[in-house]
Amino acid sequence: MVEVDSYYAMRKLAQDTLNVQGIFNNNYEDQGQRNAATLQQLVEKHM
């Protein structure tokens, strides 16, 4: 699961820069893909 603290840290960084990138651990089942989808939903919800 995307950590809420990480999401808010990324939002804070986005206020000070043009681009913010996240890296997901993809080496256990489909957690990377699920976390990316969750992050995308959070971003869309708060835009």
Protein backbone atom coordinates (compact mmCIF):
# COMPACT_ATOMS: atom_id res chain seq x y z
CA MET A 1 0.00 0.00 0.00
CA VAL A 2 1.23 3.51 -0.76
CA GLU A 3 2.19 5.10 2.51
CA VAL A 4 0.10 8.19 3.16
CA ASP A 5 3.14 9.99 4.56
CA SER A 6 5.01 9.33 1.30
CA TYR A 7 2.13 10.71 -0.73
CA TYR A 8 1.97 13.92 1.28
CA ALA A 9 5.76 14.27 1.15
CA MET A 10 5.55 14.01 -2.65
CA ARG A 11 2.82 16.66 -2.74
CA LYS A 12 4.97 19.00 -0.64
CA LEU A 13 7.92 18.46 -2.98
CA ALA A 14 5.68 19.16 -5.96
CA GLN A 15 5.06 22.66 -4.65
CA ASP A 16 8.76 23.47 -5.01
CA THR A 17 9.63 21.74 -8.28
CA LEU A 18 8.25 20.98 -11.74
CA ASN A 19 8.58 17.18 -11.56
CA VAL A 20 8.28 14.59 -8.81
CA GLN A 21 8.89 10.90 -9.44
CA GLY A 22 8.09 7.89 -7.27
CA ILE A 23 9.82 4.52 -7.32
CA PHE A 24 7.98 1.35 -6.40
CA ASN A 25 9.37 -1.96 -5.22
CA ASN A 26 8.27 -4.36 -7.97
CA ASN A 27 9.94 -7.53 -6.74
CA TYR A 28 7.06 -9.04 -4.76
CA GLU A 29 3.99 -10.19 -6.66
CA ASP A 30 2.12 -7.15 -8.03
CA GLN A 31 2.69 -4.69 -5.19
CA GLY A 32 4.47 -2.18 -7.42
CA GLN A 33 1.59 -2.05 -9.87
CA ARG A 34 -1.02 -1.86 -7.11
CA ASN A 35 0.90 0.90 -5.32
CA ALA A 36 1.23 2.88 -8.55
CA ALA A 37 -2.52 2.58 -9.15
CA THR A 38 -3.23 3.74 -5.59
CA LEU A 39 -0.91 6.71 -5.98
CA GLN A 40 -2.59 7.63 -9.26
CA GLN A 41 -6.00 7.56 -7.55
CA LEU A 42 -4.72 9.78 -4.73
CA VAL A 43 -3.27 12.29 -7.17
CA GLU A 44 -6.46 12.41 -9.25
CA LYS A 45 -8.58 12.79 -6.10
CA HIS A 46 -6.58 15.80 -4.87
CA MET A 47 -6.14 17.69 -8.14
